[in-house]
Protein backbone atom coordinates (compact mmCIF):
# COMPACT_ATOMS: atom_id res chain seq x y z
CA UNK A 1 -17.81 14.69 -55.54
CA UNK A 2 -14.72 15.97 -53.63
CA UNK A 3 -12.20 13.72 -51.91
CA UNK A 4 -13.34 14.94 -48.47
CA UNK A 5 -16.96 14.28 -49.33
CA UNK A 6 -16.06 10.82 -50.61
CA UNK A 7 -14.23 10.03 -47.37
CA UNK A 8 -17.20 11.20 -45.32
CA UNK A 9 -19.53 9.07 -47.43
CA UNK A 10 -17.32 6.03 -46.90
CA UNK A 11 -17.33 6.59 -43.12
CA UNK A 12 -21.11 6.87 -43.14
CA UNK A 13 -21.31 3.39 -44.73
CA UNK A 14 -19.25 1.77 -41.95
CA UNK A 15 -20.83 -0.30 -39.19
CA UNK A 16 -21.64 1.35 -35.90
CA UNK A 17 -18.46 1.89 -33.85
CA UNK A 18 -17.77 -0.21 -30.77
CA UNK A 19 -18.40 2.85 -28.62
CA UNK A 20 -18.89 6.60 -29.20
CA UNK A 21 -16.15 7.99 -31.43
CA UNK A 22 -16.11 11.20 -29.41
CA UNK A 23 -14.20 9.35 -26.66
CA UNK A 24 -11.36 8.57 -29.06
CA UNK A 25 -11.24 12.03 -30.64
CA UNK A 26 -11.21 13.67 -27.21
CA UNK A 27 -8.38 11.34 -26.14
CA UNK A 28 -6.26 12.20 -29.17
CA UNK A 29 -6.86 15.93 -28.76
CA UNK A 30 -5.67 15.79 -25.17
CA UNK A 31 -2.82 13.48 -26.26
CA UNK A 32 -1.57 16.00 -28.84
CA UNK A 33 -1.83 18.86 -26.33
CA UNK A 34 0.14 16.83 -23.78
CA UNK A 35 2.88 16.07 -26.33
CA UNK A 36 3.24 19.79 -27.02
CA UNK A 37 3.21 20.60 -23.31
CA UNK A 38 5.94 17.99 -22.86
CA UNK A 39 8.01 19.89 -25.43
CA UNK A 40 7.38 23.37 -24.06
CA UNK A 41 7.37 23.04 -20.28
CA UNK A 42 9.78 21.68 -17.72
CA UNK A 43 8.65 18.60 -15.73
CA UNK A 44 8.07 20.69 -12.58
CA UNK A 45 5.74 23.12 -14.39
CA UNK A 46 2.03 22.79 -13.46
CA UNK A 47 1.07 22.79 -17.14
CA UNK A 48 3.17 19.67 -17.68
CA UNK A 49 1.44 17.72 -14.91
CA UNK A 50 -2.03 19.05 -15.82
CA UNK A 51 -1.72 17.91 -19.42
CA UNK A 52 -0.72 14.38 -18.36
CA UNK A 53 -3.64 14.21 -15.96
CA UNK A 54 -6.04 15.23 -18.76
CA UNK A 55 -4.75 12.37 -20.92
CA UNK A 56 -5.17 9.89 -18.06
CA UNK A 57 -8.77 11.02 -17.55
CA UNK A 58 -9.47 10.54 -21.26
CA UNK A 59 -7.99 7.04 -21.11
CA UNK A 60 -10.14 6.24 -18.07
CA UNK A 61 -13.25 6.97 -20.16
CA UNK A 62 -11.95 4.62 -22.89
CA UNK A 63 -11.19 1.80 -20.45
CA UNK A 64 -14.80 1.85 -19.30
CA UNK A 65 -15.69 0.65 -22.81
CA UNK A 66 -12.76 -1.57 -23.79
CA UNK A 67 -9.44 -2.94 -22.59
CA UNK A 68 -7.38 -1.93 -25.62
CA UNK A 69 -7.37 0.82 -28.24
CA UNK A 70 -6.17 0.16 -31.82
CA UNK A 71 -5.14 3.18 -33.90
CA UNK A 72 -3.97 3.15 -37.52
CA UNK A 73 -1.44 5.71 -38.78
CA UNK A 74 -1.98 7.10 -42.30
CA UNK A 75 0.49 9.90 -43.04
CA UNK A 76 -1.01 12.94 -41.28
CA UNK A 77 -4.08 11.10 -39.93
CA UNK A 78 -4.89 8.70 -37.12
CA UNK A 79 -7.78 6.28 -37.75
CA UNK A 80 -9.89 4.05 -35.54
CA UNK A 81 -12.23 1.38 -36.88
CA UNK A 82 -12.00 2.96 -40.35
CA UNK A 83 -12.79 6.47 -39.13
CA UNK A 84 -10.50 9.48 -39.06
CA UNK A 85 -10.08 10.54 -35.43
CA UNK A 86 -7.11 12.92 -35.85
CA UNK A 87 -6.20 14.96 -38.95
CA UNK A 88 -3.43 17.55 -38.58
CA UNK A 89 -2.93 18.22 -42.34
CA UNK A 90 0.69 19.41 -42.46
CA UNK A 91 3.77 17.19 -42.45
CA UNK A 92 5.72 18.79 -39.61
CA UNK A 93 7.53 17.51 -36.55
CA UNK A 94 4.58 18.79 -34.48
CA UNK A 95 2.21 16.41 -36.29
CA UNK A 96 1.86 13.29 -34.12
CA UNK A 97 0.63 11.07 -36.95
CA UNK A 98 3.42 12.19 -39.30
CA UNK A 99 6.04 11.72 -36.57
CA UNK A 100 5.01 8.05 -36.33
CA UNK A 101 4.38 7.51 -40.04
CA UNK A 102 7.73 8.80 -41.34
CA UNK A 103 9.62 6.25 -39.20
CA UNK A 104 7.59 3.31 -40.44
CA UNK A 105 5.03 2.86 -37.65
CA UNK A 106 1.61 2.03 -39.07
CA UNK A 107 -0.43 0.90 -36.07
CA UNK A 108 -0.47 1.51 -32.32
CA UNK A 109 -2.27 -0.65 -29.78
CA UNK A 110 -2.55 0.85 -26.27
CA UNK A 111 -3.48 -1.52 -23.45
CA UNK A 112 -5.10 -0.74 -20.12
CA UNK A 113 -2.52 0.78 -17.77
CA UNK A 114 -0.47 2.46 -20.52
CA UNK A 115 -1.34 5.91 -19.19
CA UNK A 116 -0.01 5.08 -15.73
CA UNK A 117 3.19 3.18 -16.46
CA UNK A 118 4.60 4.13 -19.87
CA UNK A 119 2.87 7.29 -21.13
CA UNK A 120 5.64 9.60 -19.92
CA UNK A 121 8.32 7.39 -21.46
CA UNK A 122 6.53 7.47 -24.84
CA UNK A 123 6.39 11.26 -24.67
CA UNK A 124 10.15 11.34 -23.97
CA UNK A 125 10.82 9.23 -27.07
CA UNK A 126 8.67 11.50 -29.23
CA UNK A 127 10.60 14.50 -27.93
CA UNK A 128 13.94 12.83 -28.73
CA UNK A 129 12.86 11.97 -32.26
CA UNK A 130 11.53 15.48 -32.87
CA UNK A 131 15.00 16.90 -32.13
CA UNK A 132 16.98 14.03 -33.69
CA UNK A 133 19.69 14.51 -36.31
CA UNK A 134 20.44 12.16 -39.20
CA UNK A 135 22.94 10.25 -37.02
CA UNK A 136 20.46 9.61 -34.20
CA UNK A 137 18.19 6.58 -33.85
CA UNK A 138 14.72 6.70 -35.36
CA UNK A 139 11.52 6.23 -33.36
CA UNK A 140 11.18 2.57 -34.30
CA UNK A 141 14.64 1.75 -32.92
CA UNK A 142 14.00 3.71 -29.73
CA UNK A 143 10.68 1.95 -29.16
CA UNK A 144 12.28 -1.44 -29.78
CA UNK A 145 15.03 -0.74 -27.24
CA UNK A 146 12.49 0.42 -24.64
CA UNK A 147 10.41 -2.80 -24.91
CA UNK A 148 7.01 -1.43 -23.89
CA UNK A 149 4.67 -3.71 -21.96
CA UNK A 150 1.39 -1.84 -22.51
CA UNK A 151 2.09 -0.36 -25.96
CA UNK A 152 2.20 -2.57 -29.05
CA UNK A 153 2.90 -1.44 -32.59
CA UNK A 154 3.17 -2.59 -36.19
CA UNK A 155 5.74 -1.21 -38.60
CA UNK A 156 6.90 -1.48 -42.18
CA UNK A 157 10.38 -1.48 -43.68
CA UNK A 158 10.41 1.88 -45.45
CA UNK A 159 13.20 0.91 -47.86
CA UNK A 160 11.23 -2.14 -48.93
CA UNK A 161 8.06 -0.20 -49.85
CA UNK A 162 9.56 1.01 -53.14
CA UNK A 163 11.11 4.33 -53.92
CA UNK A 164 13.06 6.48 -51.53
CA UNK A 165 12.30 6.48 -47.85
CA UNK A 166 10.04 9.05 -46.28
CA UNK A 167 11.86 12.31 -45.84
CA UNK A 168 11.89 13.69 -42.33
CA UNK A 169 10.62 17.21 -42.02
CA UNK A 170 12.36 19.77 -39.78
CA UNK A 171 11.68 23.38 -39.05
CA UNK A 172 13.33 26.05 -36.92
CA UNK A 173 11.62 26.28 -33.60
CA UNK A 174 11.68 28.89 -30.91
CA UNK A 175 11.96 27.56 -27.37
CA UNK A 176 10.00 29.48 -24.87
CA UNK A 177 11.49 30.11 -21.52
CA UNK A 178 8.93 29.13 -18.97
CA UNK A 179 9.46 31.44 -16.09
CA UNK A 180 7.98 30.65 -12.69
CA UNK A 181 6.12 33.54 -11.04
CA UNK A 182 8.36 35.73 -8.92
CA UNK A 183 7.82 35.38 -5.23
CA UNK A 184 8.54 38.38 -3.12
CA UNK A 185 9.18 38.06 0.57
CA UNK A 186 8.17 41.15 2.50
CA UNK A 187 10.38 42.06 5.44
CA UNK A 188 9.04 43.97 8.39
CA UNK A 189 11.22 46.56 9.99
CA UNK A 190 10.58 46.83 13.66
CA UNK A 191 11.63 49.64 15.87
CA UNK A 192 11.62 49.61 19.62
CA UNK A 193 10.26 52.94 20.76
CA UNK A 194 11.07 52.08 24.39
CA UNK A 195 14.84 52.27 23.73
CA UNK A 196 16.32 55.62 24.58
CA UNK A 197 18.05 57.55 21.82
CA UNK A 198 21.22 59.55 22.37
CA UNK A 199 19.61 62.39 20.47
CA UNK A 200 17.18 62.82 23.37
CA UNK A 201 19.96 63.99 25.66
CA UNK A 202 22.10 67.07 25.51
CA UNK A 203 25.80 66.47 25.40
CA UNK A 204 27.85 67.77 28.31
CA UNK A 205 31.48 68.34 29.01
CA UNK A 206 31.75 64.91 30.66
CA UNK A 207 29.62 62.92 28.16
CA UNK A 208 31.13 59.79 26.50
CA UNK A 209 32.84 60.22 23.18
CA UNK A 210 31.82 58.21 20.07
CA UNK A 211 34.40 55.46 20.59
CA UNK A 212 33.27 54.81 24.16
CA UNK A 213 29.61 54.78 23.14
CA UNK A 214 30.35 52.27 20.39
CA UNK A 215 32.20 50.04 22.87
CA UNK A 216 29.32 50.08 25.35
CA UNK A 217 26.78 49.33 22.66
CA UNK A 218 28.84 46.37 21.51
CA UNK A 219 29.14 44.99 25.03
CA UNK A 220 25.41 45.35 25.66
CA UNK A 221 24.62 43.60 22.38
CA UNK A 222 27.03 40.80 23.20
CA UNK A 223 25.60 40.36 26.69
CA UNK A 224 22.01 40.14 25.51
CA UNK A 225 22.87 37.78 22.63
CA UNK A 226 24.78 35.33 24.83
CA UNK A 227 23.01 32.00 25.33
CA UNK A 228 23.01 31.37 29.07
CA UNK A 229 21.73 27.79 28.86
CA UNK A 230 25.20 26.20 28.48
CA UNK A 231 26.36 28.25 31.46
CA UNK A 232 23.44 26.92 33.53
CA UNK A 233 24.34 23.33 32.58
CA UNK A 234 28.01 23.92 33.43
CA UNK A 235 27.07 25.46 36.78
CA UNK A 236 24.87 22.51 37.75
CA UNK A 237 27.57 20.00 36.84
CA UNK A 238 30.21 22.02 38.72
CA UNK A 239 28.03 21.87 41.82
CA UNK A 240 27.60 18.12 41.27
CA UNK A 241 31.39 17.66 41.26
CA UNK A 242 32.19 19.90 44.21
CA UNK A 243 29.33 18.82 46.52
CA UNK A 244 29.56 15.19 47.55
CA UNK A 245 26.27 15.19 49.47
CA UNK A 246 24.09 12.45 47.81
CA UNK A 247 20.97 14.57 48.35
CA UNK A 248 22.45 17.50 46.42
CA UNK A 249 23.67 15.26 43.61
CA UNK A 250 20.30 13.52 43.32
CA UNK A 251 18.53 16.88 43.10
CA UNK A 252 20.90 18.03 40.35
CA UNK A 253 20.25 14.84 38.37
CA UNK A 254 16.53 15.61 38.56
CA UNK A 255 17.13 19.17 37.39
CA UNK A 256 19.20 17.93 34.44
CA UNK A 257 16.43 15.48 33.47
CA UNK A 258 13.89 18.27 33.43
CA UNK A 259 16.22 20.71 31.70
CA UNK A 260 16.95 18.17 28.92
CA UNK A 261 13.22 17.85 28.17
CA UNK A 262 12.92 21.65 27.99
CA UNK A 263 15.85 21.89 25.57
CA UNK A 264 14.48 19.19 23.29
CA UNK A 265 10.93 20.59 23.25
CA UNK A 266 12.24 24.08 22.40
CA UNK A 267 14.48 22.75 19.59
CA UNK A 268 17.68 23.67 21.46
CA UNK A 269 19.46 20.63 20.05
CA UNK A 270 22.99 21.96 20.34
CA UNK A 271 22.50 22.74 24.01
CA UNK A 272 20.90 19.33 24.57
CA UNK A 273 23.96 17.72 22.97
CA UNK A 274 26.22 19.81 25.20
CA UNK A 275 24.30 18.70 28.31
CA UNK A 276 24.60 15.02 27.36
CA UNK A 277 28.30 15.24 26.54
CA UNK A 278 29.19 17.08 29.74
CA UNK A 279 27.07 14.73 31.83
CA UNK A 280 29.14 11.78 30.55
CA UNK A 281 32.36 13.65 31.35
CA UNK A 282 31.15 14.47 34.87
CA UNK A 283 30.10 10.86 35.46
CA UNK A 284 33.65 9.77 34.68
CA UNK A 285 35.56 12.34 36.74
CA UNK A 286 33.39 13.42 39.72
CA UNK A 287 35.17 12.48 42.97
CA UNK A 288 33.62 9.86 45.25
CA UNK A 289 30.65 9.42 42.91
CA UNK A 290 28.36 6.55 43.84
CA UNK A 291 27.38 3.96 41.23
CA UNK A 292 23.66 4.93 41.22
CA UNK A 293 24.64 8.59 40.70
CA UNK A 294 26.99 7.64 37.88
CA UNK A 295 24.30 5.53 36.21
CA UNK A 296 21.81 8.38 36.54
CA UNK A 297 24.09 10.72 34.58
CA UNK A 298 25.01 8.07 32.01
CA UNK A 299 21.36 7.22 31.40
CA UNK A 300 20.70 10.70 30.05
CA UNK A 301 22.69 9.84 26.92
CA UNK A 302 21.72 6.17 26.79
CA UNK A 303 18.00 6.90 26.82
CA UNK A 304 18.39 9.12 23.75
CA UNK A 305 19.57 6.06 21.80
CA UNK A 306 16.72 3.77 22.89
CA UNK A 307 14.05 3.13 20.23
CA UNK A 308 11.10 4.60 22.15
CA UNK A 309 12.43 8.06 23.19
CA UNK A 310 14.40 8.40 19.95
CA UNK A 311 11.28 7.48 17.99
CA UNK A 312 9.27 10.12 19.82
CA UNK A 313 11.87 12.74 19.01
CA UNK A 314 11.97 11.72 15.34
CA UNK A 315 8.18 11.80 15.13
CA UNK A 316 8.15 15.32 16.54
CA UNK A 317 10.78 16.38 14.00
CA UNK A 318 8.88 14.69 11.18
CA UNK A 319 5.62 16.50 11.86
CA UNK A 320 7.00 20.03 11.64
CA UNK A 321 9.54 21.93 9.54
CA UNK A 322 12.97 21.99 11.10
CA UNK A 323 13.58 25.43 12.53
CA UNK A 324 16.99 24.81 14.01
CA UNK A 325 20.14 24.97 11.90
CA UNK A 326 21.06 21.56 10.58
CA UNK A 327 24.39 21.52 12.44
CA UNK A 328 22.56 21.62 15.76
CA UNK A 329 20.74 18.38 14.97
CA UNK A 330 24.00 16.95 13.68
CA UNK A 331 25.56 17.60 17.08
CA UNK A 332 22.67 15.93 18.90
CA UNK A 333 22.68 12.85 16.69
CA UNK A 334 26.46 12.76 16.86
CA UNK A 335 26.33 11.51 20.47
CA UNK A 336 23.94 8.64 19.73
CA UNK A 337 25.15 5.16 20.54
CA UNK A 338 25.39 2.23 18.05
CA UNK A 339 22.02 0.75 19.00
CA UNK A 340 20.36 3.92 17.65
CA UNK A 341 21.38 2.92 14.11
CA UNK A 342 18.43 0.56 13.70
CA UNK A 343 15.88 3.27 14.59
CA UNK A 344 17.57 5.79 12.32
CA UNK A 345 17.67 3.42 9.32
CA UNK A 346 14.04 2.51 9.84
CA UNK A 347 13.02 6.16 9.97
CA UNK A 348 14.99 7.08 6.82
CA UNK A 349 12.81 4.70 4.83
CA UNK A 350 9.58 6.17 6.22
CA UNK A 351 10.32 9.88 6.49
CA UNK A 352 8.83 12.36 4.04
CA UNK A 353 10.65 15.34 5.59
CA UNK A 354 13.66 16.04 3.32
CA UNK A 355 15.49 18.12 5.92
CA UNK A 356 15.17 15.41 8.53
CA UNK A 357 16.21 12.70 6.08
CA UNK A 358 19.37 14.65 5.29
CA UNK A 359 20.32 14.81 8.95
CA UNK A 360 19.47 11.14 9.49
CA UNK A 361 21.55 10.12 6.48
CA UNK A 362 24.59 11.84 7.99
CA UNK A 363 23.96 10.28 11.39
CA UNK A 364 23.49 6.83 9.88
CA UNK A 365 26.71 7.14 7.86
CA UNK A 366 28.63 8.26 10.96
CA UNK A 367 27.34 5.40 13.11
CA UNK A 368 27.73 2.78 10.38
CA UNK A 369 31.30 3.79 9.58
CA UNK A 370 32.30 3.65 13.25
CA UNK A 371 30.38 0.47 14.12
CA UNK A 372 30.54 -1.88 11.13
CA UNK A 373 29.55 -4.88 13.28
CA UNK A 374 26.19 -3.26 14.06
CA UNK A 375 25.68 -2.45 10.38
CA UNK A 376 26.37 -6.05 9.36
CA UNK A 377 23.95 -7.29 12.03
CA UNK A 378 21.20 -5.07 10.65
CA UNK A 379 21.64 -6.49 7.12
CA UNK A 380 20.11 -9.65 8.60
CA UNK A 381 17.29 -7.81 10.41
CA UNK A 382 13.65 -8.94 10.18
CA UNK A 383 12.57 -5.39 9.26
CA UNK A 384 12.82 -5.06 5.47
CA UNK A 385 13.01 -1.26 5.65
CA UNK A 386 16.02 -1.52 7.98
CA UNK A 387 17.65 -4.20 5.80
CA UNK A 388 17.30 -2.11 2.66
CA UNK A 389 18.81 0.97 4.29
CA UNK A 390 21.61 -1.08 5.89
CA UNK A 391 22.51 -2.52 2.48
CA UNK A 392 22.56 0.95 0.94
CA UNK A 393 24.76 2.19 3.78
CA UNK A 394 27.20 -0.68 3.21
CA UNK A 395 27.30 0.27 -0.47
CA UNK A 396 27.94 3.94 0.30
CA UNK A 397 30.76 3.04 2.69
CA UNK A 398 32.18 0.40 0.30
CA UNK A 399 32.62 -1.85 3.30
CA UNK A 400 34.40 -5.17 2.48
CA UNK A 401 33.32 -6.50 5.88
CA UNK A 402 29.71 -6.51 4.67
CA UNK A 403 30.40 -8.85 1.71
CA UNK A 404 29.51 -12.14 3.51
CA UNK A 405 26.24 -10.70 4.82
CA UNK A 406 25.37 -9.38 1.36
CA UNK A 407 26.22 -12.76 -0.16
CA UNK A 408 23.84 -14.43 2.27
CA UNK A 409 21.15 -11.93 1.30
CA UNK A 410 21.46 -13.17 -2.29
CA UNK A 411 20.23 -16.57 -1.14
CA UNK A 412 17.55 -15.69 1.42
CA UNK A 413 16.26 -12.19 0.59
CA UNK A 414 13.26 -11.09 -1.42
CA UNK A 415 13.94 -9.91 -5.02
CA UNK A 416 14.09 -6.24 -4.01
CA UNK A 417 16.65 -7.03 -1.32
CA UNK A 418 18.69 -9.19 -3.69
CA UNK A 419 18.80 -6.37 -6.23
CA UNK A 420 19.98 -3.98 -3.50
CA UNK A 421 22.61 -6.52 -2.41
CA UNK A 422 23.90 -6.81 -5.97
CA UNK A 423 24.16 -3.02 -6.20
CA UNK A 424 26.05 -2.88 -2.89
CA UNK A 425 28.47 -5.62 -3.96
CA UNK A 426 29.09 -3.68 -7.16
CA UNK A 427 29.94 -0.52 -5.21
CA UNK A 428 32.27 -2.43 -2.88
CA UNK A 429 34.02 -3.94 -5.89
CA UNK A 430 36.43 -6.21 -3.99
CA UNK A 431 37.47 -9.64 -5.28
CA UNK A 432 35.12 -11.30 -2.83
CA UNK A 433 32.27 -9.02 -3.89
CA UNK A 434 32.78 -9.93 -7.56
CA UNK A 435 32.71 -13.63 -6.68
CA UNK A 436 29.39 -13.11 -4.91
CA UNK A 437 28.06 -11.31 -7.99
CA UNK A 438 28.80 -14.34 -10.16
CA UNK A 439 26.25 -16.32 -8.14
CA UNK A 440 23.60 -13.75 -8.97
CA UNK A 441 23.94 -14.54 -12.69
CA UNK A 442 21.85 -17.67 -12.14
CA UNK A 443 19.37 -16.10 -9.73
CA UNK A 444 15.71 -17.07 -10.12
CA UNK A 445 14.68 -13.42 -10.54
CA UNK A 446 15.27 -11.76 -13.91
CA UNK A 447 15.87 -8.30 -12.44
CA UNK A 448 18.57 -9.65 -10.13
CA UNK A 449 20.33 -11.37 -13.03
CA UNK A 450 20.11 -8.24 -15.16
CA UNK A 451 21.57 -5.92 -12.50
CA UNK A 452 24.31 -8.43 -11.72
CA UNK A 453 25.47 -8.92 -15.31
CA UNK A 454 25.50 -5.17 -15.93
CA UNK A 455 27.65 -4.67 -12.85
CA UNK A 456 30.05 -7.42 -13.90
CA UNK A 457 30.38 -5.91 -17.35
CA UNK A 458 30.99 -2.44 -15.95
CA UNK A 459 33.65 -3.80 -13.57
CA UNK A 460 35.21 -5.93 -16.34
CA UNK A 461 35.16 -8.98 -14.05
CA UNK A 462 36.50 -11.45 -16.62
CA UNK A 463 36.27 -14.36 -14.20
CA UNK A 464 32.52 -14.38 -14.81
CA UNK A 465 32.88 -14.57 -18.61
CA UNK A 466 32.32 -18.38 -18.83
CA UNK A 467 28.99 -18.07 -17.01
CA UNK A 468 27.88 -15.21 -19.26
CA UNK A 469 28.87 -17.18 -22.35
CA UNK A 470 26.96 -20.21 -21.07
CA UNK A 471 23.88 -18.03 -20.59
CA UNK A 472 24.11 -16.73 -24.19
CA UNK A 473 24.35 -20.30 -25.47
CA UNK A 474 21.55 -21.49 -23.20
CA UNK A 475 17.80 -21.62 -23.61
CA UNK A 476 16.77 -19.44 -20.64
CA UNK A 477 18.18 -16.21 -22.07
CA UNK A 478 16.48 -16.77 -25.42
CA UNK A 479 13.13 -16.97 -23.63
CA UNK A 480 13.77 -13.88 -21.49
CA UNK A 481 12.85 -10.27 -22.21
CA UNK A 482 14.86 -7.85 -24.32
CA UNK A 483 16.33 -5.99 -21.34
CA UNK A 484 18.06 -9.07 -19.95
CA UNK A 485 19.23 -10.18 -23.40
CA UNK A 486 20.83 -6.81 -24.06
CA UNK A 487 22.49 -6.77 -20.62
CA UNK A 488 24.12 -10.20 -21.09
CA UNK A 489 25.28 -9.47 -24.62
CA UNK A 490 26.65 -6.06 -23.65
CA UNK A 491 28.65 -7.54 -20.76
CA UNK A 492 29.93 -10.31 -23.03
CA UNK A 493 30.98 -7.78 -25.67
CA UNK A 494 32.78 -5.63 -23.11
CA UNK A 495 34.91 -8.52 -21.84
CA UNK A 496 35.28 -11.24 -24.48
CA UNK A 497 37.55 -9.49 -26.98
CA UNK A 498 38.11 -11.07 -30.39
CA UNK A 499 37.73 -14.50 -28.80
CA UNK A 500 33.96 -14.02 -28.65
CA UNK A 501 33.47 -12.85 -32.23
CA UNK A 502 32.84 -16.35 -33.59
CA UNK A 503 29.92 -16.93 -31.20
CA UNK A 504 28.42 -13.49 -31.84
CA UNK A 505 28.91 -13.78 -35.61
CA UNK A 506 27.05 -17.08 -35.61
CA UNK A 507 24.12 -15.55 -33.72
CA UNK A 508 24.01 -12.39 -35.85
CA UNK A 509 23.95 -14.21 -39.17
CA UNK A 510 21.17 -16.52 -38.01
CA UNK A 511 23.27 -19.65 -38.32
CA UNK A 512 21.96 -21.02 -35.07
CA UNK A 513 24.16 -22.45 -32.32
CA UNK A 514 25.46 -25.96 -33.10
CA UNK A 515 23.10 -26.26 -36.04
CA UNK A 516 20.01 -25.63 -33.94
CA UNK A 517 17.00 -23.40 -34.51
CA UNK A 518 17.76 -19.99 -35.99
CA UNK A 519 17.61 -17.15 -33.50
CA UNK A 520 14.89 -14.49 -33.55
CA UNK A 521 15.61 -10.89 -34.73
CA UNK A 522 15.86 -9.52 -31.18
CA UNK A 523 18.53 -12.03 -30.20
CA UNK A 524 20.49 -11.34 -33.39
CA UNK A 525 20.20 -7.58 -32.85
CA UNK A 526 21.67 -8.01 -29.35
CA UNK A 527 24.59 -9.92 -30.87
CA UNK A 528 25.18 -7.01 -33.23
CA UNK A 529 25.28 -4.58 -30.29
CA UNK A 530 27.81 -6.84 -28.53
CA UNK A 531 30.05 -6.82 -31.61
CA UNK A 532 29.89 -3.05 -31.50
CA UNK A 533 31.12 -3.16 -27.90
CA UNK A 534 34.15 -5.21 -29.01
CA UNK A 535 34.86 -2.62 -31.69
CA UNK A 536 37.89 -4.39 -33.19
CA UNK A 537 38.46 -4.62 -36.98
CA UNK A 538 37.31 -8.26 -36.98
CA UNK A 539 34.15 -7.31 -35.11
CA UNK A 540 33.43 -4.49 -37.59
CA UNK A 541 33.93 -6.93 -40.48
CA UNK A 542 31.32 -9.23 -38.98
CA UNK A 543 28.94 -6.28 -38.67
CA UNK A 544 29.55 -5.11 -42.23
CA UNK A 545 28.54 -8.53 -43.56
CA UNK A 546 25.09 -7.90 -42.05
CA UNK A 547 24.74 -4.31 -43.26
CA UNK A 548 22.14 -5.34 -45.86
CA UNK A 549 20.16 -7.56 -43.51
CA UNK A 550 16.49 -7.84 -44.52
CA UNK A 551 15.03 -7.53 -41.03
CA UNK A 552 14.75 -3.85 -40.11
CA UNK A 553 15.37 -4.41 -36.37
CA UNK A 554 18.59 -6.32 -37.01
CA UNK A 555 19.69 -3.87 -39.70
CA UNK A 556 19.14 -0.87 -37.40
CA UNK A 557 21.08 -2.57 -34.60
CA UNK A 558 23.96 -3.33 -36.98
CA UNK A 559 24.03 0.29 -38.19
CA UNK A 560 24.04 1.59 -34.62
CA UNK A 561 26.81 -0.82 -33.60
CA UNK A 562 28.99 0.23 -36.54
CA UNK A 563 28.53 3.90 -35.64
CA UNK A 564 29.37 3.18 -32.02
CA UNK A 565 32.51 1.22 -32.84
CA UNK A 566 33.86 4.09 -34.95
CA UNK A 567 33.62 6.69 -32.15
């Protein structure tokens, strides 16, 4: 009996599967196709998105039967409940099973939600490993650093299985250029048959010469292309200044009100901005102007900054593509008053119109830079969307005046706001901002602590080193996730110098702190990465002592740290 026949006979003797095997085989077929699509196509290509959607649909069918899927990796095969569900024969970098097997991974467990949250990340890692050189990290190391939540795996130490490690297979590959279909825009040439042609007339002794004809044509073109709306506005305001009759001035104010609405509705934003600017000038200089008349002119600009009319304008802009040149909107928003900043920040967070968001970003930056007091007030707003945008604006402007308000946000804000505040303080980078960041190292939220310690390490804020060292010695960090552990150790390694080698050496070599319980492999691996950040001869010596470490995770981290310290 052949080997294949024997395998089939063994599968026939197995118990009935938990659910139809076709669901698993279909999933793996779509999975393999998606991996190849991930290699061949750019992320914006429809084939890329379609392949991911097919995998998600296949997972949805699985999740109707179970909440987790266990797959075993056997060289070029994937198995489920003792049955072969994927067999790609050849040992190549295109073989999914072989790609996992050669780096020591022997089992994958995918949990419900994997296809939504971490599928794309897993594809990225497979792509990196497929193109990796001998100096790059293997798949096991990359997966360990990523710390998946919905993907679990079992691995073996290849060097401990006896004999040489599994040899990676490489082959020359041709990359296809994925070209998007060409889009041709057809232009229509229009001719006006009603325009008289010079060829229709016979020349005479007194007819114009070519230079005079060219001049007249230019003047006609200029006349017909001139926008008369600014001239109309200027004429109305001139009449307002020269005629002191209250009835005349009141009528002109009414005409300007109506004209402003026409300009806004027809997207004549530059002319609307001109009207508002000149109205303010006229209100300030018109002779013998009465207070009600002055207020009437001033209100034209003030109303544009009020939440309700400004919101109506923004809604109209949101619902349709912007036809006007961007600079015209810039001019209109350039005359807005400080109280318009709150409406603009709120709309930036809600808008899905990229052109409008670009204009609003510029307007918000202009208002915030000129009116820092209003920006600081909005950091304490009750509207979370406004608060988030105000914090980001303070970060973009690197405004030291915002530091106290951002520090207060670290004590009263929701986690998302506290993370944004930490980012803003990092961008500001002043001494006061760094002091505020130190408080975030003991925040109740893990993400806030992680962002804060990374920022402190990047800024080399050595004043925070005692707190970081206390965290490494403490219990809380040991019970945290890998991301936070790596962030604290990296910051410590960047700032401690040779003075921190003793602590890191003790953690790496599993001595335990003060004779306590020995640290787990993840914690020791993080210590190795921190020693690599120090990079001094003493730090390299400590790493070399662990070069033959038994645990594969620690050994890989030590190897990577040594390579990094030598560059």
